[in-house]
């Protein structure tokens, strides 16, 4: 694999006829460690070699395919700094001197990203509810959904979305689940939500209720 640069961004050769390059920064979020993460859209392009004459060849690009990948700030700076720089210029990211401070994780989400992530929360809560209601549903599927929801629960701006979607009742059911891992994961999500509910007591009161 040979990596080159394409318009300031990383160009990754996946094989003799396949390459990928970062194309667009879609949105940002706060990761499990509190640091910002970026959703990068990568274009995968196949190269079709055509012989020209007896000793030379040219390449024609086929229709590209896109994949999206969450990346850390360090990975974005290393592979596609031009995309991060563009977002800074557009004012959707903090100034460089603020990003270097220990409070960089408190960067607010832009409105479009916030709306998308709220929709994600609603969809995930509904999915988790269906999985909990299904008889014989694989516990691994429920855990996968809980883990994704927990990542969103760590973002303070989304706390309201969890309340609006009935996540409180869902958490109560999870905390009473027979599977220990599901109860433990639900507890972690509860603590993440409670950290955004200072003084409210909305989420903190859940563990005090008895499971039926």
C-alpha atoms as a PDB file:
ATOM      1  CA  UNK A   1       0.000   0.000   0.000  1.00  0.00           C
ATOM      2  CA  UNK A   2       1.402   3.378  -1.072  1.00  0.00           C
ATOM      3  CA  UNK A   3      -0.103   6.561   0.356  1.00  0.00           C
ATOM      4  CA  UNK A   4       0.080   9.851  -1.518  1.00  0.00           C
ATOM      5  CA  UNK A   5      -1.562  13.264  -1.293  1.00  0.00           C
ATOM      6  CA  UNK A   6      -4.619  14.414  -3.243  1.00  0.00           C
ATOM      7  CA  UNK A   7      -5.435  18.151  -2.935  1.00  0.00           C
ATOM      8  CA  UNK A   8      -3.751  18.196   0.479  1.00  0.00           C
ATOM      9  CA  UNK A   9      -5.606  15.095   1.669  1.00  0.00           C
ATOM     10  CA  UNK A  10      -4.394  11.529   1.999  1.00  0.00           C
ATOM     11  CA  UNK A  11      -4.752   9.280  -1.064  1.00  0.00           C
ATOM     12  CA  UNK A  12      -4.710   5.625  -0.029  1.00  0.00           C
ATOM     13  CA  UNK A  13      -4.013   2.907  -2.583  1.00  0.00           C
ATOM     14  CA  UNK A  14      -5.973  -0.152  -1.463  1.00  0.00           C
ATOM     15  CA  UNK A  15      -4.740  -2.294  -4.334  1.00  0.00           C
ATOM     16  CA  UNK A  16      -3.503  -2.128  -7.925  1.00  0.00           C
ATOM     17  CA  UNK A  17      -6.913  -0.909  -9.159  1.00  0.00           C
ATOM     18  CA  UNK A  18      -8.484   0.642  -6.066  1.00  0.00           C
ATOM     19  CA  UNK A  19      -7.832   3.832  -4.126  1.00  0.00           C
ATOM     20  CA  UNK A  20      -9.613   5.948  -1.514  1.00  0.00           C
ATOM     21  CA  UNK A  21      -9.457   9.576  -0.433  1.00  0.00           C
ATOM     22  CA  UNK A  22     -11.345  11.695   2.165  1.00  0.00           C
ATOM     23  CA  UNK A  23     -13.928  13.847   0.443  1.00  0.00           C
ATOM     24  CA  UNK A  24     -16.153  15.605   2.976  1.00  0.00           C
ATOM     25  CA  UNK A  25     -16.451  16.328   6.700  1.00  0.00           C
ATOM     26  CA  UNK A  26     -20.082  15.477   7.483  1.00  0.00           C
ATOM     27  CA  UNK A  27     -20.402  16.211  11.195  1.00  0.00           C
ATOM     28  CA  UNK A  28     -18.717  16.114  14.590  1.00  0.00           C
ATOM     29  CA  UNK A  29     -19.490  14.631  18.002  1.00  0.00           C
ATOM     30  CA  UNK A  30     -17.929  14.062  21.398  1.00  0.00           C
ATOM     31  CA  UNK A  31     -16.308  10.629  21.766  1.00  0.00           C
ATOM     32  CA  UNK A  32     -16.268   8.279  24.760  1.00  0.00           C
ATOM     33  CA  UNK A  33     -13.149  10.023  26.091  1.00  0.00           C
ATOM     34  CA  UNK A  34     -14.727  13.457  25.765  1.00  0.00           C
ATOM     35  CA  UNK A  35     -12.595  14.423  22.780  1.00  0.00           C
ATOM     36  CA  UNK A  36     -14.118  15.550  19.461  1.00  0.00           C
ATOM     37  CA  UNK A  37     -14.594  13.022  16.668  1.00  0.00           C
ATOM     38  CA  UNK A  38     -15.395  13.724  13.027  1.00  0.00           C
ATOM     39  CA  UNK A  39     -17.529  11.787  10.545  1.00  0.00           C
ATOM     40  CA  UNK A  40     -15.517  11.743   7.314  1.00  0.00           C
ATOM     41  CA  UNK A  41     -16.911  10.613   3.972  1.00  0.00           C
ATOM     42  CA  UNK A  42     -14.347   8.688   1.930  1.00  0.00           C
ATOM     43  CA  UNK A  43     -14.612   8.097  -1.811  1.00  0.00           C
ATOM     44  CA  UNK A  44     -13.432   4.723  -3.095  1.00  0.00           C
ATOM     45  CA  UNK A  45     -12.490   4.800  -6.750  1.00  0.00           C
ATOM     46  CA  UNK A  46     -11.614   1.843  -8.946  1.00  0.00           C
ATOM     47  CA  UNK A  47      -8.991   2.348 -11.644  1.00  0.00           C
ATOM     48  CA  UNK A  48      -9.484   0.558 -14.931  1.00  0.00           C
ATOM     49  CA  UNK A  49      -6.252   0.249 -16.888  1.00  0.00           C
ATOM     50  CA  UNK A  50      -6.442   0.463 -20.637  1.00  0.00           C
ATOM     51  CA  UNK A  51      -3.487  -0.354 -22.805  1.00  0.00           C
ATOM     52  CA  UNK A  52      -2.415   2.353 -25.185  1.00  0.00           C
ATOM     53  CA  UNK A  53       0.038   1.178 -27.843  1.00  0.00           C
ATOM     54  CA  UNK A  54       2.521  -1.473 -26.786  1.00  0.00           C
ATOM     55  CA  UNK A  55       4.400   0.172 -23.902  1.00  0.00           C
ATOM     56  CA  UNK A  56       2.183   2.823 -22.256  1.00  0.00           C
ATOM     57  CA  UNK A  57      -1.071   2.758 -20.291  1.00  0.00           C
ATOM     58  CA  UNK A  58      -3.680   5.195 -19.070  1.00  0.00           C
ATOM     59  CA  UNK A  59      -6.163   4.992 -16.224  1.00  0.00           C
ATOM     60  CA  UNK A  60      -9.877   5.723 -16.305  1.00  0.00           C
ATOM     61  CA  UNK A  61     -11.759   6.217 -13.063  1.00  0.00           C
ATOM     62  CA  UNK A  62     -14.953   4.247 -12.601  1.00  0.00           C
ATOM     63  CA  UNK A  63     -17.954   5.538 -10.626  1.00  0.00           C
ATOM     64  CA  UNK A  64     -16.841   6.176  -7.004  1.00  0.00           C
ATOM     65  CA  UNK A  65     -18.424   4.578  -3.941  1.00  0.00           C
ATOM     66  CA  UNK A  66     -18.673   6.356  -0.607  1.00  0.00           C
ATOM     67  CA  UNK A  67     -18.157   5.131   2.947  1.00  0.00           C
ATOM     68  CA  UNK A  68     -18.360   7.159   6.170  1.00  0.00           C
ATOM     69  CA  UNK A  69     -15.951   6.723   9.070  1.00  0.00           C
ATOM     70  CA  UNK A  70     -15.644   8.345  12.512  1.00  0.00           C
ATOM     71  CA  UNK A  71     -12.097   9.633  13.065  1.00  0.00           C
ATOM     72  CA  UNK A  72     -10.291  11.366  15.914  1.00  0.00           C
ATOM     73  CA  UNK A  73      -8.954  14.911  15.598  1.00  0.00           C
ATOM     74  CA  UNK A  74      -5.400  13.563  15.295  1.00  0.00           C
ATOM     75  CA  UNK A  75      -6.404  11.195  12.489  1.00  0.00           C
ATOM     76  CA  UNK A  76      -8.190  13.978  10.619  1.00  0.00           C
ATOM     77  CA  UNK A  77      -5.203  16.316  10.971  1.00  0.00           C
ATOM     78  CA  UNK A  78      -2.902  13.586   9.653  1.00  0.00           C
ATOM     79  CA  UNK A  79      -5.023  12.379   6.738  1.00  0.00           C
ATOM     80  CA  UNK A  80      -7.238  15.272   5.657  1.00  0.00           C
ATOM     81  CA  UNK A  81      -6.241  18.586   7.293  1.00  0.00           C
ATOM     82  CA  UNK A  82      -7.804  20.502   4.410  1.00  0.00           C
ATOM     83  CA  UNK A  83     -11.286  19.341   5.458  1.00  0.00           C
ATOM     84  CA  UNK A  84     -10.753  20.377   9.069  1.00  0.00           C
ATOM     85  CA  UNK A  85      -9.303  23.694   7.956  1.00  0.00           C
ATOM     86  CA  UNK A  86     -12.343  24.367   5.791  1.00  0.00           C
ATOM     87  CA  UNK A  87     -14.694  23.842   8.712  1.00  0.00           C
ATOM     88  CA  UNK A  88     -12.638  26.226  10.844  1.00  0.00           C
ATOM     89  CA  UNK A  89     -12.799  28.890   8.114  1.00  0.00           C
ATOM     90  CA  UNK A  90     -16.580  28.483   7.872  1.00  0.00           C
ATOM     91  CA  UNK A  91     -16.872  29.133  11.609  1.00  0.00           C
ATOM     92  CA  UNK A  92     -18.280  25.699  12.470  1.00  0.00           C
ATOM     93  CA  UNK A  93     -15.345  24.875  14.743  1.00  0.00           C
ATOM     94  CA  UNK A  94     -13.550  26.721  17.527  1.00  0.00           C
ATOM     95  CA  UNK A  95     -10.426  28.792  17.064  1.00  0.00           C
ATOM     96  CA  UNK A  96      -7.135  26.937  17.219  1.00  0.00           C
ATOM     97  CA  UNK A  97      -6.130  28.490  20.520  1.00  0.00           C
ATOM     98  CA  UNK A  98      -9.384  27.317  22.134  1.00  0.00           C
ATOM     99  CA  UNK A  99      -9.022  23.831  20.671  1.00  0.00           C
ATOM    100  CA  UNK A 100      -5.730  23.498  22.512  1.00  0.00           C
ATOM    101  CA  UNK A 101      -7.378  24.141  25.878  1.00  0.00           C
ATOM    102  CA  UNK A 102      -8.537  21.357  28.253  1.00  0.00           C
ATOM    103  CA  UNK A 103     -12.137  22.414  27.582  1.00  0.00           C
ATOM    104  CA  UNK A 104     -12.046  21.540  23.877  1.00  0.00           C
ATOM    105  CA  UNK A 105     -14.553  18.739  24.475  1.00  0.00           C
ATOM    106  CA  UNK A 106     -17.231  21.351  25.243  1.00  0.00           C
ATOM    107  CA  UNK A 107     -17.378  22.492  21.608  1.00  0.00           C
ATOM    108  CA  UNK A 108     -21.088  22.842  20.671  1.00  0.00           C
ATOM    109  CA  UNK A 109     -22.553  20.910  17.771  1.00  0.00           C
ATOM    110  CA  UNK A 110     -23.835  22.878  14.798  1.00  0.00           C
ATOM    111  CA  UNK A 111     -27.619  22.939  14.403  1.00  0.00           C
ATOM    112  CA  UNK A 112     -27.785  20.559  11.437  1.00  0.00           C
ATOM    113  CA  UNK A 113     -25.655  17.942  13.197  1.00  0.00           C
ATOM    114  CA  UNK A 114     -27.712  18.289  16.375  1.00  0.00           C
ATOM    115  CA  UNK A 115     -30.964  17.655  14.511  1.00  0.00           C
ATOM    116  CA  UNK A 116     -29.495  14.591  12.800  1.00  0.00           C
ATOM    117  CA  UNK A 117     -28.221  13.163  16.066  1.00  0.00           C
ATOM    118  CA  UNK A 118     -31.556  13.768  17.812  1.00  0.00           C
ATOM    119  CA  UNK A 119     -33.209  11.783  15.028  1.00  0.00           C
ATOM    120  CA  UNK A 120     -30.619   9.045  15.583  1.00  0.00           C
ATOM    121  CA  UNK A 121     -31.482   8.954  19.295  1.00  0.00           C
ATOM    122  CA  UNK A 122     -35.205   8.604  18.572  1.00  0.00           C
ATOM    123  CA  UNK A 123     -34.555   5.787  16.114  1.00  0.00           C
ATOM    124  CA  UNK A 124     -32.200   3.958  18.485  1.00  0.00           C
ATOM    125  CA  UNK A 125     -34.573   4.240  21.452  1.00  0.00           C
ATOM    126  CA  UNK A 126     -37.390   2.826  19.323  1.00  0.00           C
ATOM    127  CA  UNK A 127     -35.146   0.005  18.119  1.00  0.00           C
ATOM    128  CA  UNK A 128     -34.051  -0.837  21.659  1.00  0.00           C
ATOM    129  CA  UNK A 129     -37.696  -0.867  22.748  1.00  0.00           C
ATOM    130  CA  UNK A 130     -38.590  -3.334  19.993  1.00  0.00           C
ATOM    131  CA  UNK A 131     -35.625  -5.536  20.844  1.00  0.00           C
ATOM    132  CA  UNK A 132     -36.558  -5.579  24.525  1.00  0.00           C
ATOM    133  CA  UNK A 133     -40.155  -6.507  23.656  1.00  0.00           C
ATOM    134  CA  UNK A 134     -39.215  -9.337  21.285  1.00  0.00           C
ATOM    135  CA  UNK A 135     -39.242 -12.810  22.770  1.00  0.00           C
ATOM    136  CA  UNK A 136     -35.914 -14.522  22.284  1.00  0.00           C
ATOM    137  CA  UNK A 137     -34.182 -11.439  20.855  1.00  0.00           C
ATOM    138  CA  UNK A 138     -30.372 -11.907  20.854  1.00  0.00           C
ATOM    139  CA  UNK A 139     -28.826 -10.181  23.854  1.00  0.00           C
ATOM    140  CA  UNK A 140     -25.882  -9.152  21.690  1.00  0.00           C
ATOM    141  CA  UNK A 141     -28.217  -7.098  19.478  1.00  0.00           C
ATOM    142  CA  UNK A 142     -29.659  -5.297  22.498  1.00  0.00           C
ATOM    143  CA  UNK A 143     -26.163  -4.619  23.846  1.00  0.00           C
ATOM    144  CA  UNK A 144     -25.007  -3.199  20.515  1.00  0.00           C
ATOM    145  CA  UNK A 145     -27.919  -0.762  20.504  1.00  0.00           C
ATOM    146  CA  UNK A 146     -27.269   0.217  24.129  1.00  0.00           C
ATOM    147  CA  UNK A 147     -23.591   0.884  23.408  1.00  0.00           C
ATOM    148  CA  UNK A 148     -24.456   3.225  20.547  1.00  0.00           C
ATOM    149  CA  UNK A 149     -27.060   4.995  22.677  1.00  0.00           C
ATOM    150  CA  UNK A 150     -24.509   5.395  25.482  1.00  0.00           C
ATOM    151  CA  UNK A 151     -22.212   7.269  23.106  1.00  0.00           C
ATOM    152  CA  UNK A 152     -25.013   9.732  22.354  1.00  0.00           C
ATOM    153  CA  UNK A 153     -25.930   9.941  26.058  1.00  0.00           C
ATOM    154  CA  UNK A 154     -22.482  11.395  26.786  1.00  0.00           C
ATOM    155  CA  UNK A 155     -23.365  14.497  24.730  1.00  0.00           C
ATOM    156  CA  UNK A 156     -25.122  17.052  26.894  1.00  0.00           C
ATOM    157  CA  UNK A 157     -26.914  18.703  23.963  1.00  0.00           C
ATOM    158  CA  UNK A 158     -28.832  15.479  23.371  1.00  0.00           C
ATOM    159  CA  UNK A 159     -30.131  15.005  26.930  1.00  0.00           C
ATOM    160  CA  UNK A 160     -33.470  16.521  25.955  1.00  0.00           C
ATOM    161  CA  UNK A 161     -33.862  14.072  23.087  1.00  0.00           C
ATOM    162  CA  UNK A 162     -33.562  11.149  25.506  1.00  0.00           C
ATOM    163  CA  UNK A 163     -36.331  12.581  27.706  1.00  0.00           C
ATOM    164  CA  UNK A 164     -38.617  13.265  24.739  1.00  0.00           C
ATOM    165  CA  UNK A 165     -38.298   9.737  23.348  1.00  0.00           C
ATOM    166  CA  UNK A 166     -39.261   7.905  26.531  1.00  0.00           C
ATOM    167  CA  UNK A 167     -35.759   6.636  27.210  1.00  0.00           C
ATOM    168  CA  UNK A 168     -36.448   6.840  30.956  1.00  0.00           C
ATOM    169  CA  UNK A 169     -38.995   4.010  30.838  1.00  0.00           C
ATOM    170  CA  UNK A 170     -36.710   2.012  28.564  1.00  0.00           C
ATOM    171  CA  UNK A 171     -33.826   2.404  31.020  1.00  0.00           C
ATOM    172  CA  UNK A 172     -36.057   1.162  33.822  1.00  0.00           C
ATOM    173  CA  UNK A 173     -36.760  -2.032  31.873  1.00  0.00           C
ATOM    174  CA  UNK A 174     -33.065  -2.477  31.086  1.00  0.00           C
ATOM    175  CA  UNK A 175     -32.097  -2.055  34.733  1.00  0.00           C
ATOM    176  CA  UNK A 176     -34.502  -4.889  35.568  1.00  0.00           C
ATOM    177  CA  UNK A 177     -33.300  -7.180  32.774  1.00  0.00           C
ATOM    178  CA  UNK A 178     -32.190 -10.689  33.715  1.00  0.00           C
ATOM    179  CA  UNK A 179     -28.920 -10.292  31.794  1.00  0.00           C
ATOM    180  CA  UNK A 180     -26.249  -8.701  34.000  1.00  0.00           C
ATOM    181  CA  UNK A 181     -24.370  -7.087  31.100  1.00  0.00           C
ATOM    182  CA  UNK A 182     -27.510  -5.320  29.907  1.00  0.00           C
ATOM    183  CA  UNK A 183     -28.177  -3.996  33.439  1.00  0.00           C
ATOM    184  CA  UNK A 184     -24.586  -2.807  33.716  1.00  0.00           C
ATOM    185  CA  UNK A 185     -24.652  -1.060  30.324  1.00  0.00           C
ATOM    186  CA  UNK A 186     -27.964   0.589  31.184  1.00  0.00           C
ATOM    187  CA  UNK A 187     -26.416   1.845  34.421  1.00  0.00           C
ATOM    188  CA  UNK A 188     -23.549   3.442  32.515  1.00  0.00           C
ATOM    189  CA  UNK A 189     -25.997   5.177  30.201  1.00  0.00           C
ATOM    190  CA  UNK A 190     -27.984   6.376  33.205  1.00  0.00           C
ATOM    191  CA  UNK A 191     -24.886   7.906  34.815  1.00  0.00           C
ATOM    192  CA  UNK A 192     -24.012   9.663  31.552  1.00  0.00           C
ATOM    193  CA  UNK A 193     -27.493  11.183  31.358  1.00  0.00           C
ATOM    194  CA  UNK A 194     -27.493  12.092  35.058  1.00  0.00           C
ATOM    195  CA  UNK A 195     -24.279  14.084  34.581  1.00  0.00           C
ATOM    196  CA  UNK A 196     -26.245  16.474  32.317  1.00  0.00           C
ATOM    197  CA  UNK A 197     -29.195  16.704  34.721  1.00  0.00           C
ATOM    198  CA  UNK A 198     -27.603  18.708  37.542  1.00  0.00           C
ATOM    199  CA  UNK A 199     -30.113  19.243  40.304  1.00  0.00           C
ATOM    200  CA  UNK A 200     -32.988  17.833  38.276  1.00  0.00           C
ATOM    201  CA  UNK A 201     -32.995  14.373  39.778  1.00  0.00           C
ATOM    202  CA  UNK A 202     -34.940  13.053  36.779  1.00  0.00           C
ATOM    203  CA  UNK A 203     -32.544  10.254  35.931  1.00  0.00           C
ATOM    204  CA  UNK A 204     -30.946   9.868  39.340  1.00  0.00           C
ATOM    205  CA  UNK A 205     -34.233   8.674  40.849  1.00  0.00           C
ATOM    206  CA  UNK A 206     -34.549   5.678  38.545  1.00  0.00           C
ATOM    207  CA  UNK A 207     -32.269   3.252  40.482  1.00  0.00           C
ATOM    208  CA  UNK A 208     -34.324   3.863  43.626  1.00  0.00           C
ATOM    209  CA  UNK A 209     -37.399   2.263  42.077  1.00  0.00           C
ATOM    210  CA  UNK A 210     -37.972  -1.445  42.528  1.00  0.00           C
ATOM    211  CA  UNK A 211     -38.146  -3.824  39.593  1.00  0.00           C
ATOM    212  CA  UNK A 212     -41.370  -5.747  39.355  1.00  0.00           C
END
